[in-house]
Amino acid sequence: MGLQMNLVAKCEVRNRGAREEVIRVYYESILNVRGLHAMPLEPILQAQFDKLSLHCLSTRVRAAFIEGRSCAVAGALIYLAKALHFYIGAVLVAKGAYTYLQMYQVLNLVVFTVSIGSQLMAITQIIAESILAAHDRSQPVNLGTMGSSESQGIFHPRI
């Protein structure tokens, strides 16, 4: 689960970078709209925007494959745990070490535990996005004020 979450987090970082590049080109185009009308730069910025949009799309499609694997891994964990338990349980019941009731109780515990883990796999993308958002939100708060003159005024905004 940790490996899958790391992969999803890396994909989210790549997707965010690609989206920010598209947003940057769009913002520059809107900001310099008069210059675009005065000079023949519109086709250049349009080509740059199209190229970055296609790159953003391709990174998102690649990430969708990795994020989609979370559901497959979650389902596979449940079925693998059941199959392994049925095999080991059958061997232990055949040897007389377990009764059928004990095997069934252990099966319920294993399936319950694995199903909780598989539900966590379904939200790995949300967890990765939340971690990145929390990191982005903490950066302005952790900026140092040594050497800056902004905090010497009489008005101090609340952080």
Foldseek 3Di string as FASTA:
>chain_A
DVVLLVLLLVLVVVLVVLVVQLVVLVVVCVVCVVVVVVDVCVVVSVVVNVVSVVVSVVSVVVSCVSLVVLLVVLVVQLVVQLVVLVVVVVVCVVVVNDPPVVSVVVNVVSNVVSNVVSVVSNCSNVVSVVVVVVVVVCVVVPDDCPPPDPPVDPDDDDD
